[in-house]
Amino acid sequence: MLSGAALADTLSAFDERLQLTLGLRYQQVKSGNYSSSGAKTA
């Protein structure tokens, strides 16, 4: 299972001389291990 989401936004002030960028990220990963014979291991 692989899934992810991201959100970002930029806030400008002082005639765009100052910029602040904020971001959020969510990620989920599930993996499995397998031996060379193809059997799933712990």
PDB file of N, CA and C in Angstrom:
ATOM      1  N   MET A   1       0.853  -1.173   0.000  1.00  0.00           N
ATOM      2  CA  MET A   1       0.000   0.000   0.000  1.00  0.00           C
ATOM      3  C   MET A   1       0.900   1.238   0.000  1.00  0.00           C
ATOM      4  N   LEU A   2       0.670   2.127  -0.904  1.00  0.00           N
ATOM      5  CA  LEU A   2       1.319   3.436  -0.943  1.00  0.00           C
ATOM      6  C   LEU A   2       0.233   4.476  -1.140  1.00  0.00           C
ATOM      7  N   SER A   3       0.218   5.488  -0.326  1.00  0.00           N
ATOM      8  CA  SER A   3      -0.724   6.576  -0.525  1.00  0.00           C
ATOM      9  C   SER A   3      -0.118   7.854   0.018  1.00  0.00           C
ATOM     10  N   GLY A   4      -0.549   8.972  -0.496  1.00  0.00           N
ATOM     11  CA  GLY A   4      -0.017  10.232  -0.021  1.00  0.00           C
ATOM     12  C   GLY A   4      -0.857  11.391  -0.496  1.00  0.00           C
ATOM     13  N   ALA A   5      -0.751  12.487   0.228  1.00  0.00           N
ATOM     14  CA  ALA A   5      -1.451  13.712  -0.129  1.00  0.00           C
ATOM     15  C   ALA A   5      -0.620  14.892   0.340  1.00  0.00           C
ATOM     16  N   ALA A   6      -0.671  15.978  -0.402  1.00  0.00           N
ATOM     17  CA  ALA A   6       0.087  17.173  -0.036  1.00  0.00           C
ATOM     18  C   ALA A   6      -0.746  18.408  -0.330  1.00  0.00           C
ATOM     19  N   LEU A   7      -0.521  19.448   0.476  1.00  0.00           N
ATOM     20  CA  LEU A   7      -1.211  20.714   0.310  1.00  0.00           C
ATOM     21  C   LEU A   7      -0.219  21.815   0.647  1.00  0.00           C
ATOM     22  N   ALA A   8      -0.117  22.830  -0.207  1.00  0.00           N
ATOM     23  CA  ALA A   8       0.793  23.942   0.042  1.00  0.00           C
ATOM     24  C   ALA A   8       0.145  25.245  -0.394  1.00  0.00           C
ATOM     25  N   ASP A   9       0.546  26.338   0.258  1.00  0.00           N
ATOM     26  CA  ASP A   9       0.029  27.653  -0.090  1.00  0.00           C
ATOM     27  C   ASP A   9       1.086  28.696   0.253  1.00  0.00           C
ATOM     28  N   THR A  10       1.076  29.802  -0.460  1.00  0.00           N
ATOM     29  CA  THR A  10       2.030  30.886  -0.223  1.00  0.00           C
ATOM     30  C   THR A  10       1.272  32.151   0.138  1.00  0.00           C
ATOM     31  N   LEU A  11       1.734  32.827   1.186  1.00  0.00           N
ATOM     32  CA  LEU A  11       1.162  34.079   1.650  1.00  0.00           C
ATOM     33  C   LEU A  11       2.169  35.185   1.366  1.00  0.00           C
ATOM     34  N   SER A  12       1.735  36.261   0.697  1.00  0.00           N
ATOM     35  CA  SER A  12       2.617  37.382   0.360  1.00  0.00           C
ATOM     36  C   SER A  12       2.209  38.618   1.138  1.00  0.00           C
ATOM     37  N   ALA A  13       3.218  39.437   1.492  1.00  0.00           N
ATOM     38  CA  ALA A  13       2.968  40.692   2.195  1.00  0.00           C
ATOM     39  C   ALA A  13       3.995  41.727   1.740  1.00  0.00           C
ATOM     40  N   PHE A  14       3.743  42.976   2.055  1.00  0.00           N
ATOM     41  CA  PHE A  14       4.649  44.078   1.733  1.00  0.00           C
ATOM     42  C   PHE A  14       4.972  44.120   0.243  1.00  0.00           C
ATOM     43  N   ASP A  15       3.925  44.184  -0.567  1.00  0.00           N
ATOM     44  CA  ASP A  15       4.061  44.256  -2.024  1.00  0.00           C
ATOM     45  C   ASP A  15       4.879  43.088  -2.569  1.00  0.00           C
ATOM     46  N   GLU A  16       4.617  41.908  -2.023  1.00  0.00           N
ATOM     47  CA  GLU A  16       5.263  40.639  -2.409  1.00  0.00           C
ATOM     48  C   GLU A  16       6.759  40.596  -2.112  1.00  0.00           C
ATOM     49  N   ARG A  17       7.253  41.467  -1.238  1.00  0.00           N
ATOM     50  CA  ARG A  17       8.671  41.399  -0.836  1.00  0.00           C
ATOM     51  C   ARG A  17       8.879  40.355   0.250  1.00  0.00           C
ATOM     52  N   LEU A  18       7.817  39.984   0.941  1.00  0.00           N
ATOM     53  CA  LEU A  18       7.876  38.948   1.972  1.00  0.00           C
ATOM     54  C   LEU A  18       6.891  37.854   1.603  1.00  0.00           C
ATOM     55  N   GLN A  19       7.388  36.628   1.521  1.00  0.00           N
ATOM     56  CA  GLN A  19       6.521  35.503   1.190  1.00  0.00           C
ATOM     57  C   GLN A  19       6.725  34.390   2.214  1.00  0.00           C
ATOM     58  N   LEU A  20       5.636  33.788   2.609  1.00  0.00           N
ATOM     59  CA  LEU A  20       5.656  32.677   3.554  1.00  0.00           C
ATOM     60  C   LEU A  20       4.949  31.496   2.898  1.00  0.00           C
ATOM     61  N   THR A  21       5.636  30.368   2.814  1.00  0.00           N
ATOM     62  CA  THR A  21       5.061  29.167   2.227  1.00  0.00           C
ATOM     63  C   THR A  21       4.827  28.135   3.320  1.00  0.00           C
ATOM     64  N   LEU A  22       3.606  27.626   3.381  1.00  0.00           N
ATOM     65  CA  LEU A  22       3.228  26.602   4.357  1.00  0.00           C
ATOM     66  C   LEU A  22       2.811  25.345   3.603  1.00  0.00           C
ATOM     67  N   GLY A  23       3.084  24.193   4.197  1.00  0.00           N
ATOM     68  CA  GLY A  23       2.696  22.958   3.550  1.00  0.00           C
ATOM     69  C   GLY A  23       2.366  21.865   4.548  1.00  0.00           C
ATOM     70  N   LEU A  24       1.498  20.967   4.122  1.00  0.00           N
ATOM     71  CA  LEU A  24       1.122  19.783   4.892  1.00  0.00           C
ATOM     72  C   LEU A  24       1.330  18.566   4.010  1.00  0.00           C
ATOM     73  N   ARG A  25       1.762  17.479   4.612  1.00  0.00           N
ATOM     74  CA  ARG A  25       1.947  16.246   3.844  1.00  0.00           C
ATOM     75  C   ARG A  25       1.546  15.046   4.696  1.00  0.00           C
ATOM     76  N   TYR A  26       0.826  14.115   4.066  1.00  0.00           N
ATOM     77  CA  TYR A  26       0.429  12.855   4.705  1.00  0.00           C
ATOM     78  C   TYR A  26       0.903  11.731   3.805  1.00  0.00           C
ATOM     79  N   GLN A  27       1.556  10.746   4.409  1.00  0.00           N
ATOM     80  CA  GLN A  27       2.044   9.613   3.627  1.00  0.00           C
ATOM     81  C   GLN A  27       1.881   8.337   4.444  1.00  0.00           C
ATOM     82  N   GLN A  28       1.482   7.265   3.752  1.00  0.00           N
ATOM     83  CA  GLN A  28       1.312   5.966   4.399  1.00  0.00           C
ATOM     84  C   GLN A  28       1.947   4.913   3.497  1.00  0.00           C
ATOM     85  N   VAL A  29       2.827   4.088   4.072  1.00  0.00           N
ATOM     86  CA  VAL A  29       3.539   3.068   3.299  1.00  0.00           C
ATOM     87  C   VAL A  29       3.449   1.744   4.044  1.00  0.00           C
ATOM     88  N   LYS A  30       3.161   0.691   3.329  1.00  0.00           N
ATOM     89  CA  LYS A  30       3.153  -0.657   3.902  1.00  0.00           C
ATOM     90  C   LYS A  30       4.032  -1.519   3.006  1.00  0.00           C
ATOM     91  N   SER A  31       4.969  -2.256   3.604  1.00  0.00           N
ATOM     92  CA  SER A  31       5.864  -3.084   2.791  1.00  0.00           C
ATOM     93  C   SER A  31       5.938  -4.492   3.365  1.00  0.00           C
ATOM     94  N   GLY A  32       6.389  -5.411   2.556  1.00  0.00           N
ATOM     95  CA  GLY A  32       6.570  -6.796   2.987  1.00  0.00           C
ATOM     96  C   GLY A  32       7.964  -7.271   2.617  1.00  0.00           C
ATOM     97  N   ASN A  33       8.476  -8.223   3.366  1.00  0.00           N
ATOM     98  CA  ASN A  33       9.791  -8.797   3.108  1.00  0.00           C
ATOM     99  C   ASN A  33       9.624 -10.219   2.586  1.00  0.00           C
ATOM    100  N   TYR A  34      10.418 -10.543   1.595  1.00  0.00           N
ATOM    101  CA  TYR A  34      10.345 -11.861   0.974  1.00  0.00           C
ATOM    102  C   TYR A  34      11.733 -12.466   0.870  1.00  0.00           C
ATOM    103  N   SER A  35      11.822 -13.758   1.059  1.00  0.00           N
ATOM    104  CA  SER A  35      13.101 -14.467   0.911  1.00  0.00           C
ATOM    105  C   SER A  35      13.393 -14.675  -0.569  1.00  0.00           C
ATOM    106  N   SER A  36      14.587 -15.172  -0.873  1.00  0.00           N
ATOM    107  CA  SER A  36      14.955 -15.390  -2.275  1.00  0.00           C
ATOM    108  C   SER A  36      14.097 -16.464  -2.932  1.00  0.00           C
ATOM    109  N   SER A  37      13.453 -17.327  -2.129  1.00  0.00           N
ATOM    110  CA  SER A  37      12.570 -18.362  -2.697  1.00  0.00           C
ATOM    111  C   SER A  37      11.165 -17.810  -2.954  1.00  0.00           C
ATOM    112  N   GLY A  38      10.888 -16.583  -2.485  1.00  0.00           N
ATOM    113  CA  GLY A  38       9.575 -15.971  -2.692  1.00  0.00           C
ATOM    114  C   GLY A  38       8.655 -16.091  -1.505  1.00  0.00           C
ATOM    115  N   ALA A  39       9.087 -16.758  -0.426  1.00  0.00           N
ATOM    116  CA  ALA A  39       8.250 -16.889   0.766  1.00  0.00           C
ATOM    117  C   ALA A  39       8.290 -15.606   1.582  1.00  0.00           C
ATOM    118  N   LYS A  40       7.154 -15.211   2.109  1.00  0.00           N
ATOM    119  CA  LYS A  40       7.081 -14.001   2.916  1.00  0.00           C
ATOM    120  C   LYS A  40       7.731 -14.253   4.270  1.00  0.00           C
ATOM    121  N   THR A  41       8.572 -13.307   4.709  1.00  0.00           N
ATOM    122  CA  THR A  41       9.251 -13.427   6.001  1.00  0.00           C
ATOM    123  C   THR A  41       8.721 -12.355   6.953  1.00  0.00           C
ATOM    124  N   ALA A  42       9.119 -12.460   8.204  1.00  0.00           N
ATOM    125  CA  ALA A  42       8.643 -11.526   9.227  1.00  0.00           C
ATOM    126  C   ALA A  42       9.134 -10.121   9.041  1.00  0.00           C
TER     127      ALA A  42
END
